[in-house]
Amino acid sequence: MDFIFNGGTLTIFAYGQTGSGKTHTINELQSFLCKDLFRASELHNEDTGRQICFSVSYFEIYGGKVFDLLNKRKRLKIMESGK
């Protein structure tokens, strides 16, 4: 948690064939992660007086296309950074 609270980025990536259980696995991880993050952020706020802000994205890559799962499966454009 210290890594996240110090500006780190957490990525959870599920890869596999259709029907292999990716959605189930991600849903379970999401539940545990949210509970743990909010519990830890409350303790962190009490200890440091600093508030933590979380940002979350869920997207699906399928058939070479990317969809935003929090915005009615709106298609996203992926751009490569030149850096």
Protein backbone atom coordinates (compact mmCIF):
# COMPACT_ATOMS: atom_id res chain seq x y z
CA MET A 1 0.00 0.00 0.00
CA ASP A 2 2.88 2.40 0.67
CA PHE A 3 3.79 2.22 -3.02
CA ILE A 4 0.27 3.28 -4.04
CA PHE A 5 0.03 5.99 -1.40
CA ASN A 6 3.32 7.46 -2.61
CA GLY A 7 2.09 7.98 -6.17
CA GLY A 8 2.59 4.47 -7.57
CA THR A 9 0.33 2.93 -10.17
CA LEU A 10 -1.33 -0.45 -9.75
CA THR A 11 -2.35 -2.44 -12.81
CA ILE A 12 -4.32 -5.67 -12.83
CA PHE A 13 -4.23 -7.43 -16.17
CA ALA A 14 -6.20 -10.56 -17.07
CA TYR A 15 -5.42 -12.43 -20.25
CA GLY A 16 -6.91 -15.63 -21.59
CA GLN A 17 -9.41 -17.26 -23.88
CA THR A 18 -13.13 -16.55 -23.72
CA GLY A 19 -14.77 -18.41 -20.84
CA SER A 20 -11.56 -18.99 -18.88
CA GLY A 21 -12.70 -17.05 -15.80
CA LYS A 22 -11.07 -13.64 -16.27
CA THR A 23 -14.20 -11.67 -15.36
CA HIS A 24 -14.83 -13.75 -12.23
CA THR A 25 -11.21 -13.36 -11.12
CA ILE A 26 -11.16 -9.59 -11.71
CA ASN A 27 -14.48 -9.12 -9.88
CA GLU A 28 -13.15 -10.97 -6.83
CA LEU A 29 -9.88 -9.01 -6.87
CA GLN A 30 -11.80 -5.76 -7.26
CA SER A 31 -13.85 -6.47 -4.15
CA PHE A 32 -10.81 -7.28 -2.00
CA LEU A 33 -8.75 -4.41 -3.38
CA CYS A 34 -11.43 -1.78 -2.80
CA LYS A 35 -11.98 -2.86 0.79
CA ASP A 36 -8.25 -2.95 1.51
CA LEU A 37 -7.53 0.37 -0.22
CA PHE A 38 -10.25 2.26 1.60
CA ARG A 39 -9.37 0.70 4.95
CA ALA A 40 -5.67 1.51 4.47
CA SER A 41 -6.43 5.03 3.21
CA GLU A 42 -8.42 5.79 6.37
CA LEU A 43 -5.47 4.69 8.51
CA HIS A 44 -3.06 6.62 6.29
CA ASN A 45 -5.20 9.77 6.60
CA GLU A 46 -5.26 9.45 10.39
CA ASP A 47 -1.48 8.91 10.58
CA THR A 48 -0.37 11.59 8.10
CA GLY A 49 -3.24 14.04 7.86
CA ARG A 50 -3.01 13.63 4.06
CA GLN A 51 -6.04 12.62 2.04
CA ILE A 52 -5.63 10.04 -0.70
CA CYS A 53 -7.42 10.32 -4.05
CA PHE A 54 -7.95 7.19 -6.15
CA SER A 55 -8.61 6.99 -9.85
CA VAL A 56 -9.89 3.81 -11.50
CA SER A 57 -10.27 2.69 -15.12
CA TYR A 58 -11.68 -0.53 -16.46
CA PHE A 59 -11.24 -1.39 -20.08
CA GLU A 60 -11.40 -4.39 -22.32
CA ILE A 61 -9.14 -5.19 -25.24
CA TYR A 62 -10.90 -7.51 -27.64
CA GLY A 63 -10.22 -8.17 -31.31
CA GLY A 64 -7.72 -5.33 -31.49
CA LYS A 65 -10.28 -2.83 -30.16
CA VAL A 66 -10.40 -1.17 -26.73
CA PHE A 67 -13.63 -0.47 -24.84
CA ASP A 68 -14.27 1.63 -21.70
CA LEU A 69 -16.21 -0.65 -19.33
CA LEU A 70 -17.23 2.26 -17.09
CA ASN A 71 -18.71 4.27 -19.95
CA LYS A 72 -21.20 2.00 -21.75
CA ARG A 73 -18.40 0.18 -23.60
CA LYS A 74 -17.46 3.33 -25.50
CA ARG A 75 -14.65 2.56 -27.93
CA LEU A 76 -11.32 4.09 -26.95
CA LYS A 77 -8.44 5.22 -29.12
CA ILE A 78 -5.04 3.99 -27.98
CA MET A 79 -2.15 6.32 -28.66
CA GLU A 80 1.53 5.58 -28.28
CA SER A 81 3.72 7.97 -26.34
CA GLY A 82 6.81 9.21 -28.16
CA LYS A 83 8.80 9.41 -24.93
